[in-house]
Amino acid sequence: MAVDEGSAGQRLDNFLLRELKGVPKTHVYRIIRSGEVRVNKGRAAADTRLETGDEVRVPPVRVAAPHAEMAAESVPPREFPVLFEDEHLLVIDKPAGVAVHGGSGVSFGVIEQLRRARPDAKFLELVHRLDKETSGLLLLAKKRSALTNLQDQFRQRETGKTYAALVSGRWPANKKVIDVALHKYLNADGERRVRAVAADHGEGQRSISLVRVVASYPGTAPGFTLLDVTIKTGRTHQIRVHLAHEGHPIVGDDKYGEFALNKALAAGRLANGCRFDRMFLHARRLAFDHPASGERIELHAPLPPECETLLASLADPSTA
């Protein structure tokens, strides 16, 4: 099989695992170690980086009963609102309540649905992730070279990511920087959680969020504040934990939020009867350098209608 541009730069083992769907992973590594897999007629190690035009020869292999493929067939194809697309990358506006990928009790997510909707796409991978409950800008790569370039930008903090977050209470306007270390752990049920820790904590990671007040809604107890949060580090649940640590959790956050308040909003007992039953966290701005042209690209995703409706209800003086 020939290596196309979309697979250039990929490791041999990952290339084969993707191409030989239904072949057990252990068998793929066995034929590599035994030298039965050839790249340009020569033996190659699992970590060999492939280049466009390379010829990969694989011995006859038996494909196991394709449970994974059967599961893939059950994934409903779905397209999402596209905010930017070319031959290198795709940026969509992810709705809240949809996981970005399957796993942890979720059978499928955005990436699986997009692959089903685009069967001719030779390469489609997530560049970064959003929590299931978070809506907004999600970046995907359509070429291996674009994926590695964009992931490098994320690691080197050369991207700009700003989120809209509605929090309970009145955020102090002079609180503009949160520099608090975070530590990931598993709770008693084995679920992933994150907590704020001291800077000298042995397993803490320094985490920085920049905060700007966009609007205040004091009319409904306990009052609410709409924030723009720009993250300088991309830790798991960073914004959610940082804001909760400051005493102003995100509205609708079922892990770190005020559960009584969330329940009241979902039932329509606040905000002039408006029912709101999601987390108010939206990836509204994303900036990065195009992986091919180097052009700086800045994209914006408008607030979802349910978020706009809630803000309008909070702004209504009749809610006081």
C-alpha atoms as a PDB file:
ATOM      1  CA  MET A   1       0.000   0.000   0.000  1.00  0.00           C
ATOM      2  CA  ALA A   2       1.208   3.503  -0.813  1.00  0.00           C
ATOM      3  CA  VAL A   3       1.556   6.283   1.751  1.00  0.00           C
ATOM      4  CA  ASP A   4      -0.363   9.379   0.717  1.00  0.00           C
ATOM      5  CA  GLU A   5       0.130  12.950   1.869  1.00  0.00           C
ATOM      6  CA  GLY A   6      -2.477  12.565   4.596  1.00  0.00           C
ATOM      7  CA  SER A   7      -0.425   9.848   6.302  1.00  0.00           C
ATOM      8  CA  ALA A   8       3.012  11.419   5.804  1.00  0.00           C
ATOM      9  CA  GLY A   9       4.897  11.774   9.079  1.00  0.00           C
ATOM     10  CA  GLN A  10       2.913   9.018  10.798  1.00  0.00           C
ATOM     11  CA  ARG A  11       4.618   6.155  12.630  1.00  0.00           C
ATOM     12  CA  LEU A  12       4.517   2.792  10.881  1.00  0.00           C
ATOM     13  CA  ASP A  13       2.635   1.098  13.733  1.00  0.00           C
ATOM     14  CA  ASN A  14      -0.058   3.769  13.859  1.00  0.00           C
ATOM     15  CA  PHE A  15      -0.384   3.673  10.058  1.00  0.00           C
ATOM     16  CA  LEU A  16      -0.932  -0.092  10.082  1.00  0.00           C
ATOM     17  CA  LEU A  17      -3.342  -0.001  13.019  1.00  0.00           C
ATOM     18  CA  ARG A  18      -5.441   2.457  11.041  1.00  0.00           C
ATOM     19  CA  GLU A  19      -5.194   0.598   7.720  1.00  0.00           C
ATOM     20  CA  LEU A  20      -5.640  -2.921   9.084  1.00  0.00           C
ATOM     21  CA  LYS A  21      -8.956  -2.447  10.857  1.00  0.00           C
ATOM     22  CA  GLY A  22     -10.077  -5.696  12.485  1.00  0.00           C
ATOM     23  CA  VAL A  23      -6.533  -7.069  12.852  1.00  0.00           C
ATOM     24  CA  PRO A  24      -5.574  -7.490  16.529  1.00  0.00           C
ATOM     25  CA  LYS A  25      -3.061  -4.938  17.749  1.00  0.00           C
ATOM     26  CA  THR A  26      -0.774  -7.656  19.073  1.00  0.00           C
ATOM     27  CA  HIS A  27      -0.633  -9.260  15.626  1.00  0.00           C
ATOM     28  CA  VAL A  28       0.242  -5.956  13.953  1.00  0.00           C
ATOM     29  CA  TYR A  29       3.230  -5.534  16.276  1.00  0.00           C
ATOM     30  CA  ARG A  30       4.218  -9.192  15.800  1.00  0.00           C
ATOM     31  CA  ILE A  31       4.523  -8.889  12.017  1.00  0.00           C
ATOM     32  CA  ILE A  32       6.506  -5.666  12.390  1.00  0.00           C
ATOM     33  CA  ARG A  33       8.952  -7.241  14.849  1.00  0.00           C
ATOM     34  CA  SER A  34       9.362 -10.330  12.671  1.00  0.00           C
ATOM     35  CA  GLY A  35      10.346  -8.215   9.673  1.00  0.00           C
ATOM     36  CA  GLU A  36       7.348  -9.289   7.590  1.00  0.00           C
ATOM     37  CA  VAL A  37       6.341  -5.662   7.113  1.00  0.00           C
ATOM     38  CA  ARG A  38       8.532  -3.901   4.551  1.00  0.00           C
ATOM     39  CA  VAL A  39       8.846  -0.221   3.747  1.00  0.00           C
ATOM     40  CA  ASN A  40      10.348   0.405   0.315  1.00  0.00           C
ATOM     41  CA  LYS A  41      11.458  -3.276   0.332  1.00  0.00           C
ATOM     42  CA  GLY A  42      13.401  -2.909   3.580  1.00  0.00           C
ATOM     43  CA  ARG A  43      12.686  -3.919   7.164  1.00  0.00           C
ATOM     44  CA  ALA A  44      11.321  -1.142   9.341  1.00  0.00           C
ATOM     45  CA  ALA A  45      10.746  -0.590  13.056  1.00  0.00           C
ATOM     46  CA  ALA A  46       7.413   0.313  14.623  1.00  0.00           C
ATOM     47  CA  ASP A  47       8.523   3.919  15.142  1.00  0.00           C
ATOM     48  CA  THR A  48       9.642   4.455  11.538  1.00  0.00           C
ATOM     49  CA  ARG A  49       8.226   7.724  10.216  1.00  0.00           C
ATOM     50  CA  LEU A  50       6.592   7.296   6.833  1.00  0.00           C
ATOM     51  CA  GLU A  51       6.914   9.726   3.947  1.00  0.00           C
ATOM     52  CA  THR A  52       4.646  10.478   1.006  1.00  0.00           C
ATOM     53  CA  GLY A  53       5.156   7.862  -1.702  1.00  0.00           C
ATOM     54  CA  ASP A  54       6.581   5.164   0.576  1.00  0.00           C
ATOM     55  CA  GLU A  55       5.477   1.642  -0.318  1.00  0.00           C
ATOM     56  CA  VAL A  56       4.421  -0.463   2.649  1.00  0.00           C
ATOM     57  CA  ARG A  57       4.175  -4.222   2.069  1.00  0.00           C
ATOM     58  CA  VAL A  58       2.170  -6.295   4.515  1.00  0.00           C
ATOM     59  CA  PRO A  59       1.894 -10.104   4.573  1.00  0.00           C
ATOM     60  CA  PRO A  60      -1.558 -11.678   4.276  1.00  0.00           C
ATOM     61  CA  VAL A  61      -3.398 -11.184   7.569  1.00  0.00           C
ATOM     62  CA  ARG A  62      -6.641 -12.541   8.882  1.00  0.00           C
ATOM     63  CA  VAL A  63      -9.157  -9.923   9.866  1.00  0.00           C
ATOM     64  CA  ALA A  64     -10.918 -10.832  13.091  1.00  0.00           C
ATOM     65  CA  ALA A  65     -14.646 -10.536  13.512  1.00  0.00           C
ATOM     66  CA  PRO A  66     -14.915  -6.770  13.143  1.00  0.00           C
ATOM     67  CA  HIS A  67     -16.651  -5.833  16.381  1.00  0.00           C
ATOM     68  CA  ALA A  68     -15.141  -2.370  16.155  1.00  0.00           C
ATOM     69  CA  GLU A  69     -16.314  -1.977  12.581  1.00  0.00           C
ATOM     70  CA  MET A  70     -19.774  -3.201  13.492  1.00  0.00           C
ATOM     71  CA  ALA A  71     -19.839  -0.639  16.263  1.00  0.00           C
ATOM     72  CA  ALA A  72     -18.677   2.026  13.818  1.00  0.00           C
ATOM     73  CA  GLU A  73     -21.526   1.145  11.491  1.00  0.00           C
ATOM     74  CA  SER A  74     -23.977   1.951  14.283  1.00  0.00           C
ATOM     75  CA  VAL A  75     -22.612   5.506  14.642  1.00  0.00           C
ATOM     76  CA  PRO A  76     -25.082   7.947  13.068  1.00  0.00           C
ATOM     77  CA  PRO A  77     -23.380  10.190  10.488  1.00  0.00           C
ATOM     78  CA  ARG A  78     -23.612  13.843  11.395  1.00  0.00           C
ATOM     79  CA  GLU A  79     -22.265  17.128  10.124  1.00  0.00           C
ATOM     80  CA  PHE A  80     -21.817  20.121  12.403  1.00  0.00           C
ATOM     81  CA  PRO A  81     -21.890  23.867  11.631  1.00  0.00           C
ATOM     82  CA  VAL A  82     -18.679  24.658   9.737  1.00  0.00           C
ATOM     83  CA  LEU A  83     -16.919  27.935  10.511  1.00  0.00           C
ATOM     84  CA  PHE A  84     -13.814  27.311   8.394  1.00  0.00           C
ATOM     85  CA  GLU A  85     -12.671  24.559   6.062  1.00  0.00           C
ATOM     86  CA  ASP A  86     -10.006  23.977   3.448  1.00  0.00           C
ATOM     87  CA  GLU A  87      -7.892  21.000   2.357  1.00  0.00           C
ATOM     88  CA  HIS A  88      -5.813  21.182   5.553  1.00  0.00           C
ATOM     89  CA  LEU A  89      -8.234  21.736   8.410  1.00  0.00           C
ATOM     90  CA  LEU A  90     -11.825  21.970   9.571  1.00  0.00           C
ATOM     91  CA  VAL A  91     -13.295  24.149  12.313  1.00  0.00           C
ATOM     92  CA  ILE A  92     -16.796  23.405  13.569  1.00  0.00           C
ATOM     93  CA  ASP A  93     -19.149  24.888  16.157  1.00  0.00           C
ATOM     94  CA  LYS A  94     -19.710  21.983  18.547  1.00  0.00           C
ATOM     95  CA  PRO A  95     -23.027  21.943  20.407  1.00  0.00           C
ATOM     96  CA  ALA A  96     -23.164  21.308  24.142  1.00  0.00           C
ATOM     97  CA  GLY A  97     -23.961  17.771  25.228  1.00  0.00           C
ATOM     98  CA  VAL A  98     -21.914  16.083  22.485  1.00  0.00           C
ATOM     99  CA  ALA A  99     -18.604  14.430  23.381  1.00  0.00           C
ATOM    100  CA  VAL A 100     -15.687  15.066  21.035  1.00  0.00           C
ATOM    101  CA  HIS A 101     -14.866  11.336  20.893  1.00  0.00           C
ATOM    102  CA  GLY A 102     -16.111   8.003  22.197  1.00  0.00           C
ATOM    103  CA  GLY A 103     -14.915   6.521  25.471  1.00  0.00           C
ATOM    104  CA  SER A 104     -15.630   6.748  29.213  1.00  0.00           C
ATOM    105  CA  GLY A 105     -19.168   5.484  28.781  1.00  0.00           C
ATOM    106  CA  VAL A 106     -19.793   7.388  25.526  1.00  0.00           C
ATOM    107  CA  SER A 107     -20.042   5.114  22.486  1.00  0.00           C
ATOM    108  CA  PHE A 108     -19.299   7.821  19.940  1.00  0.00           C
ATOM    109  CA  GLY A 109     -18.626  11.530  19.619  1.00  0.00           C
ATOM    110  CA  VAL A 110     -18.004  14.295  17.116  1.00  0.00           C
ATOM    111  CA  ILE A 111     -15.019  12.663  15.441  1.00  0.00           C
ATOM    112  CA  GLU A 112     -16.765   9.317  14.886  1.00  0.00           C
ATOM    113  CA  GLN A 113     -19.888  11.007  13.531  1.00  0.00           C
ATOM    114  CA  LEU A 114     -17.907  13.210  11.171  1.00  0.00           C
ATOM    115  CA  ARG A 115     -15.940  10.239   9.831  1.00  0.00           C
ATOM    116  CA  ARG A 116     -19.205   8.434   9.140  1.00  0.00           C
ATOM    117  CA  ALA A 117     -20.614  11.519   7.427  1.00  0.00           C
ATOM    118  CA  ARG A 118     -17.437  11.859   5.321  1.00  0.00           C
ATOM    119  CA  PRO A 119     -16.519   8.303   4.253  1.00  0.00           C
ATOM    120  CA  ASP A 120     -14.149   9.591   1.559  1.00  0.00           C
ATOM    121  CA  ALA A 121     -12.046  11.583   4.008  1.00  0.00           C
ATOM    122  CA  LYS A 122      -8.644   9.881   4.142  1.00  0.00           C
ATOM    123  CA  PHE A 123      -7.607  11.657   7.334  1.00  0.00           C
ATOM    124  CA  LEU A 124      -9.604  13.421  10.021  1.00  0.00           C
ATOM    125  CA  GLU A 125      -8.308  13.896  13.563  1.00  0.00           C
ATOM    126  CA  LEU A 126      -9.011  16.121  16.560  1.00  0.00           C
ATOM    127  CA  VAL A 127      -6.376  18.785  17.156  1.00  0.00           C
ATOM    128  CA  HIS A 128      -7.639  19.524  20.681  1.00  0.00           C
ATOM    129  CA  ARG A 129     -10.617  18.703  22.859  1.00  0.00           C
ATOM    130  CA  LEU A 130     -13.605  20.328  24.517  1.00  0.00           C
ATOM    131  CA  ASP A 131     -15.578  18.971  27.449  1.00  0.00           C
ATOM    132  CA  LYS A 132     -18.841  17.311  26.460  1.00  0.00           C
ATOM    133  CA  GLU A 133     -20.791  20.064  28.237  1.00  0.00           C
ATOM    134  CA  THR A 134     -18.862  22.881  26.506  1.00  0.00           C
ATOM    135  CA  SER A 135     -19.976  24.316  23.176  1.00  0.00           C
ATOM    136  CA  GLY A 136     -18.040  26.240  20.569  1.00  0.00           C
ATOM    137  CA  LEU A 137     -14.996  26.169  18.332  1.00  0.00           C
ATOM    138  CA  LEU A 138     -13.403  22.779  17.732  1.00  0.00           C
ATOM    139  CA  LEU A 139     -10.422  22.353  15.418  1.00  0.00           C
ATOM    140  CA  LEU A 140      -9.781  19.212  13.351  1.00  0.00           C
ATOM    141  CA  ALA A 141      -6.961  18.361  10.954  1.00  0.00           C
ATOM    142  CA  LYS A 142      -7.477  16.846   7.492  1.00  0.00           C
ATOM    143  CA  LYS A 143      -3.801  16.061   6.969  1.00  0.00           C
ATOM    144  CA  ARG A 144      -1.132  14.538   9.184  1.00  0.00           C
ATOM    145  CA  SER A 145       1.176  17.507   8.579  1.00  0.00           C
ATOM    146  CA  ALA A 146      -1.550  19.935   9.661  1.00  0.00           C
ATOM    147  CA  LEU A 147      -2.214  17.903  12.822  1.00  0.00           C
ATOM    148  CA  THR A 148       1.403  17.946  13.988  1.00  0.00           C
ATOM    149  CA  ASN A 149       1.824  21.642  13.153  1.00  0.00           C
ATOM    150  CA  LEU A 150      -1.332  22.707  14.988  1.00  0.00           C
ATOM    151  CA  GLN A 151      -0.644  20.512  18.011  1.00  0.00           C
ATOM    152  CA  ASP A 152       2.814  22.078  18.240  1.00  0.00           C
ATOM    153  CA  GLN A 153       1.162  25.508  18.300  1.00  0.00           C
ATOM    154  CA  PHE A 154      -1.118  24.413  21.142  1.00  0.00           C
ATOM    155  CA  ARG A 155       1.805  22.989  23.122  1.00  0.00           C
ATOM    156  CA  GLN A 156       3.869  26.137  22.614  1.00  0.00           C
ATOM    157  CA  ARG A 157       0.880  28.332  23.577  1.00  0.00           C
ATOM    158  CA  GLU A 158       0.872  30.082  20.223  1.00  0.00           C
ATOM    159  CA  THR A 159      -2.897  29.787  19.903  1.00  0.00           C
ATOM    160  CA  GLY A 160      -5.479  32.148  21.341  1.00  0.00           C
ATOM    161  CA  LYS A 161      -8.487  30.532  23.034  1.00  0.00           C
ATOM    162  CA  THR A 162     -11.194  32.610  24.689  1.00  0.00           C
ATOM    163  CA  TYR A 163     -14.323  31.243  26.337  1.00  0.00           C
ATOM    164  CA  ALA A 164     -17.566  32.915  27.380  1.00  0.00           C
ATOM    165  CA  ALA A 165     -18.548  31.819  30.892  1.00  0.00           C
ATOM    166  CA  LEU A 166     -21.522  32.884  32.997  1.00  0.00           C
ATOM    167  CA  VAL A 167     -20.767  32.602  36.707  1.00  0.00           C
ATOM    168  CA  SER A 168     -22.823  33.074  39.834  1.00  0.00           C
ATOM    169  CA  GLY A 169     -22.260  36.186  41.931  1.00  0.00           C
ATOM    170  CA  ARG A 170     -20.580  39.471  41.088  1.00  0.00           C
ATOM    171  CA  TRP A 171     -17.055  38.923  39.806  1.00  0.00           C
ATOM    172  CA  PRO A 172     -14.595  41.552  41.132  1.00  0.00           C
ATOM    173  CA  ALA A 173     -13.510  43.635  38.150  1.00  0.00           C
ATOM    174  CA  ASN A 174      -9.958  43.894  39.491  1.00  0.00           C
ATOM    175  CA  LYS A 175      -9.523  40.113  39.496  1.00  0.00           C
ATOM    176  CA  LYS A 176      -7.988  39.660  36.052  1.00  0.00           C
ATOM    177  CA  VAL A 177      -5.469  36.829  36.450  1.00  0.00           C
ATOM    178  CA  ILE A 178      -5.886  33.407  38.045  1.00  0.00           C
ATOM    179  CA  ASP A 179      -2.538  31.689  38.543  1.00  0.00           C
ATOM    180  CA  VAL A 180      -3.432  28.575  40.523  1.00  0.00           C
ATOM    181  CA  ALA A 181      -1.947  25.105  40.148  1.00  0.00           C
ATOM    182  CA  LEU A 182      -4.270  22.205  39.343  1.00  0.00           C
ATOM    183  CA  HIS A 183      -4.107  18.518  40.210  1.00  0.00           C
ATOM    184  CA  LYS A 184      -5.996  15.700  38.472  1.00  0.00           C
ATOM    185  CA  TYR A 185      -7.319  12.781  40.521  1.00  0.00           C
ATOM    186  CA  LEU A 186     -10.045  10.115  40.534  1.00  0.00           C
ATOM    187  CA  ASN A 187     -12.959  10.342  42.942  1.00  0.00           C
ATOM    188  CA  ALA A 188     -14.471   7.420  44.851  1.00  0.00           C
ATOM    189  CA  ASP A 189     -16.486   6.430  41.767  1.00  0.00           C
ATOM    190  CA  GLY A 190     -13.406   6.395  39.567  1.00  0.00           C
ATOM    191  CA  GLU A 191     -14.400   9.580  37.744  1.00  0.00           C
ATOM    192  CA  ARG A 192     -11.816  12.149  36.742  1.00  0.00           C
ATOM    193  CA  ARG A 193     -11.792  15.338  38.797  1.00  0.00           C
ATOM    194  CA  VAL A 194      -9.489  18.341  39.166  1.00  0.00           C
ATOM    195  CA  ARG A 195      -8.778  20.473  42.221  1.00  0.00           C
ATOM    196  CA  ALA A 196      -6.833  23.636  42.935  1.00  0.00           C
ATOM    197  CA  VAL A 197      -3.643  23.038  44.925  1.00  0.00           C
ATOM    198  CA  ALA A 198      -0.743  25.046  46.330  1.00  0.00           C
ATOM    199  CA  ALA A 199       1.975  26.100  43.924  1.00  0.00           C
ATOM    200  CA  ASP A 200       4.469  23.781  45.616  1.00  0.00           C
ATOM    201  CA  HIS A 201       2.188  20.734  45.443  1.00  0.00           C
ATOM    202  CA  GLY A 202       4.207  17.788  44.142  1.00  0.00           C
ATOM    203  CA  GLU A 203       1.641  16.792  41.489  1.00  0.00           C
ATOM    204  CA  GLY A 204       0.197  20.213  40.711  1.00  0.00           C
ATOM    205  CA  GLN A 205       0.546  21.851  37.296  1.00  0.00           C
ATOM    206  CA  ARG A 206       0.813  25.611  37.014  1.00  0.00           C
ATOM    207  CA  SER A 207      -2.315  26.934  35.291  1.00  0.00           C
ATOM    208  CA  ILE A 208      -3.078  30.476  34.170  1.00  0.00           C
ATOM    209  CA  SER A 209      -6.405  32.010  33.122  1.00  0.00           C
ATOM    210  CA  LEU A 210      -7.012  35.638  32.181  1.00  0.00           C
ATOM    211  CA  VAL A 211     -10.443  36.994  33.082  1.00  0.00           C
ATOM    212  CA  ARG A 212     -12.386  40.013  31.806  1.00  0.00           C
ATOM    213  CA  VAL A 213     -15.847  41.099  32.892  1.00  0.00           C
ATOM    214  CA  VAL A 214     -18.201  41.444  29.914  1.00  0.00           C
ATOM    215  CA  ALA A 215     -21.515  42.138  31.676  1.00  0.00           C
ATOM    216  CA  SER A 216     -23.083  41.992  35.129  1.00  0.00           C
ATOM    217  CA  TYR A 217     -26.619  40.838  35.973  1.00  0.00           C
ATOM    218  CA  PRO A 218     -27.338  41.858  39.581  1.00  0.00           C
ATOM    219  CA  GLY A 219     -31.144  41.788  39.284  1.00  0.00           C
ATOM    220  CA  THR A 220     -31.658  38.120  40.156  1.00  0.00           C
ATOM    221  CA  ALA A 221     -30.223  36.651  43.359  1.00  0.00           C
ATOM    222  CA  PRO A 222     -27.435  35.667  43.713  1.00  0.00           C
ATOM    223  CA  GLY A 223     -26.492  37.830  40.734  1.00  0.00           C
ATOM    224  CA  PHE A 224     -24.514  36.703  37.711  1.00  0.00           C
ATOM    225  CA  THR A 225     -21.484  37.848  35.707  1.00  0.00           C
ATOM    226  CA  LEU A 226     -20.624  37.123  32.087  1.00  0.00           C
ATOM    227  CA  LEU A 227     -16.876  36.655  31.653  1.00  0.00           C
ATOM    228  CA  ASP A 228     -14.387  36.299  28.859  1.00  0.00           C
ATOM    229  CA  VAL A 229     -11.751  33.786  29.949  1.00  0.00           C
ATOM    230  CA  THR A 230      -8.575  33.378  27.913  1.00  0.00           C
ATOM    231  CA  ILE A 231      -6.492  30.379  28.872  1.00  0.00           C
ATOM    232  CA  LYS A 232      -2.716  30.502  28.762  1.00  0.00           C
ATOM    233  CA  THR A 233      -2.447  26.827  29.715  1.00  0.00           C
ATOM    234  CA  GLY A 234      -4.744  24.056  28.574  1.00  0.00           C
ATOM    235  CA  ARG A 235      -5.316  21.924  31.660  1.00  0.00           C
ATOM    236  CA  THR A 236      -8.240  19.559  32.102  1.00  0.00           C
ATOM    237  CA  HIS A 237     -11.291  21.453  33.453  1.00  0.00           C
ATOM    238  CA  GLN A 238      -9.053  24.499  33.949  1.00  0.00           C
ATOM    239  CA  ILE A 239     -11.649  27.239  33.566  1.00  0.00           C
ATOM    240  CA  ARG A 240     -14.285  25.348  35.541  1.00  0.00           C
ATOM    241  CA  VAL A 241     -12.008  24.737  38.516  1.00  0.00           C
ATOM    242  CA  HIS A 242     -10.330  28.160  38.441  1.00  0.00           C
ATOM    243  CA  LEU A 243     -13.642  30.023  38.521  1.00  0.00           C
ATOM    244  CA  ALA A 244     -15.118  27.755  41.189  1.00  0.00           C
ATOM    245  CA  HIS A 245     -11.943  28.155  43.266  1.00  0.00           C
ATOM    246  CA  GLU A 246     -12.498  31.925  43.207  1.00  0.00           C
ATOM    247  CA  GLY A 247     -16.000  31.422  44.596  1.00  0.00           C
ATOM    248  CA  HIS A 248     -17.855  32.011  41.312  1.00  0.00           C
ATOM    249  CA  PRO A 249     -18.643  28.646  39.694  1.00  0.00           C
ATOM    250  CA  ILE A 250     -19.952  28.405  36.164  1.00  0.00           C
ATOM    251  CA  VAL A 251     -23.720  28.266  35.800  1.00  0.00           C
ATOM    252  CA  GLY A 252     -24.868  24.719  35.033  1.00  0.00           C
ATOM    253  CA  ASP A 253     -21.573  23.035  35.904  1.00  0.00           C
ATOM    254  CA  ASP A 254     -22.566  19.611  37.274  1.00  0.00           C
ATOM    255  CA  LYS A 255     -19.108  18.802  38.627  1.00  0.00           C
ATOM    256  CA  TYR A 256     -17.867  21.984  40.283  1.00  0.00           C
ATOM    257  CA  GLY A 257     -20.968  24.177  40.369  1.00  0.00           C
ATOM    258  CA  GLU A 258     -23.692  25.201  42.793  1.00  0.00           C
ATOM    259  CA  PHE A 259     -26.110  22.325  42.456  1.00  0.00           C
ATOM    260  CA  ALA A 260     -29.137  24.033  44.069  1.00  0.00           C
ATOM    261  CA  LEU A 261     -28.710  27.028  41.761  1.00  0.00           C
ATOM    262  CA  ASN A 262     -28.330  24.804  38.704  1.00  0.00           C
ATOM    263  CA  LYS A 263     -31.487  22.923  39.655  1.00  0.00           C
ATOM    264  CA  ALA A 264     -33.443  26.148  40.099  1.00  0.00           C
ATOM    265  CA  LEU A 265     -32.343  27.436  36.692  1.00  0.00           C
ATOM    266  CA  ALA A 266     -33.168  24.131  34.991  1.00  0.00           C
ATOM    267  CA  ALA A 267     -36.648  24.219  36.545  1.00  0.00           C
ATOM    268  CA  GLY A 268     -37.245  27.815  35.482  1.00  0.00           C
ATOM    269  CA  ARG A 269     -37.466  29.149  39.026  1.00  0.00           C
ATOM    270  CA  LEU A 270     -35.018  31.979  38.263  1.00  0.00           C
ATOM    271  CA  ALA A 271     -34.350  34.343  35.347  1.00  0.00           C
ATOM    272  CA  ASN A 272     -37.987  35.208  34.653  1.00  0.00           C
ATOM    273  CA  GLY A 273     -38.955  31.572  34.202  1.00  0.00           C
ATOM    274  CA  CYS A 274     -36.260  30.820  31.621  1.00  0.00           C
ATOM    275  CA  ARG A 275     -35.233  27.154  31.781  1.00  0.00           C
ATOM    276  CA  PHE A 276     -31.513  26.576  31.375  1.00  0.00           C
ATOM    277  CA  ASP A 277     -30.105  23.077  31.828  1.00  0.00           C
ATOM    278  CA  ARG A 278     -26.596  23.096  30.354  1.00  0.00           C
ATOM    279  CA  MET A 279     -23.241  24.470  31.410  1.00  0.00           C
ATOM    280  CA  PHE A 280     -22.700  28.063  30.316  1.00  0.00           C
ATOM    281  CA  LEU A 281     -19.203  27.651  28.898  1.00  0.00           C
ATOM    282  CA  HIS A 282     -18.663  28.394  25.210  1.00  0.00           C
ATOM    283  CA  ALA A 283     -15.418  28.410  23.218  1.00  0.00           C
ATOM    284  CA  ARG A 284     -16.136  31.628  21.365  1.00  0.00           C
ATOM    285  CA  ARG A 285     -12.739  32.617  19.922  1.00  0.00           C
ATOM    286  CA  LEU A 286      -9.846  30.650  18.442  1.00  0.00           C
ATOM    287  CA  ALA A 287      -6.715  32.076  16.831  1.00  0.00           C
ATOM    288  CA  PHE A 288      -3.857  30.133  15.233  1.00  0.00           C
ATOM    289  CA  ASP A 289      -1.388  30.197  12.344  1.00  0.00           C
ATOM    290  CA  HIS A 290      -2.519  28.296   9.270  1.00  0.00           C
ATOM    291  CA  PRO A 291      -0.360  25.141   9.091  1.00  0.00           C
ATOM    292  CA  ALA A 292       0.392  25.596   5.380  1.00  0.00           C
ATOM    293  CA  SER A 293       0.335  29.334   4.635  1.00  0.00           C
ATOM    294  CA  GLY A 294       1.343  30.633   8.060  1.00  0.00           C
ATOM    295  CA  GLU A 295      -1.466  33.203   7.861  1.00  0.00           C
ATOM    296  CA  ARG A 296      -2.918  34.177  11.229  1.00  0.00           C
ATOM    297  CA  ILE A 297      -6.528  33.017  11.422  1.00  0.00           C
ATOM    298  CA  GLU A 298      -8.990  34.214  14.053  1.00  0.00           C
ATOM    299  CA  LEU A 299     -12.433  32.654  14.242  1.00  0.00           C
ATOM    300  CA  HIS A 300     -15.478  33.467  16.369  1.00  0.00           C
ATOM    301  CA  ALA A 301     -18.496  31.363  17.289  1.00  0.00           C
ATOM    302  CA  PRO A 302     -21.615  33.248  18.423  1.00  0.00           C
ATOM    303  CA  LEU A 303     -23.274  32.307  21.680  1.00  0.00           C
ATOM    304  CA  PRO A 304     -25.837  29.503  21.235  1.00  0.00           C
ATOM    305  CA  PRO A 305     -29.502  30.628  21.271  1.00  0.00           C
ATOM    306  CA  GLU A 306     -30.184  29.107  24.696  1.00  0.00           C
ATOM    307  CA  CYS A 307     -27.332  31.127  26.192  1.00  0.00           C
ATOM    308  CA  GLU A 308     -28.534  34.337  24.554  1.00  0.00           C
ATOM    309  CA  THR A 309     -32.059  33.654  25.826  1.00  0.00           C
ATOM    310  CA  LEU A 310     -30.807  33.222  29.384  1.00  0.00           C
ATOM    311  CA  LEU A 311     -28.819  36.469  29.256  1.00  0.00           C
ATOM    312  CA  ALA A 312     -31.831  38.331  27.901  1.00  0.00           C
ATOM    313  CA  SER A 313     -33.948  36.954  30.756  1.00  0.00           C
ATOM    314  CA  LEU A 314     -31.348  37.980  33.348  1.00  0.00           C
ATOM    315  CA  ALA A 315     -31.183  41.464  31.861  1.00  0.00           C
ATOM    316  CA  ASP A 316     -34.941  41.897  32.105  1.00  0.00           C
ATOM    317  CA  PRO A 317     -35.657  44.110  35.141  1.00  0.00           C
ATOM    318  CA  SER A 318     -38.849  42.150  35.796  1.00  0.00           C
ATOM    319  CA  THR A 319     -36.630  39.354  37.140  1.00  0.00           C
ATOM    320  CA  ALA A 320     -35.664  41.469  40.161  1.00  0.00           C
END
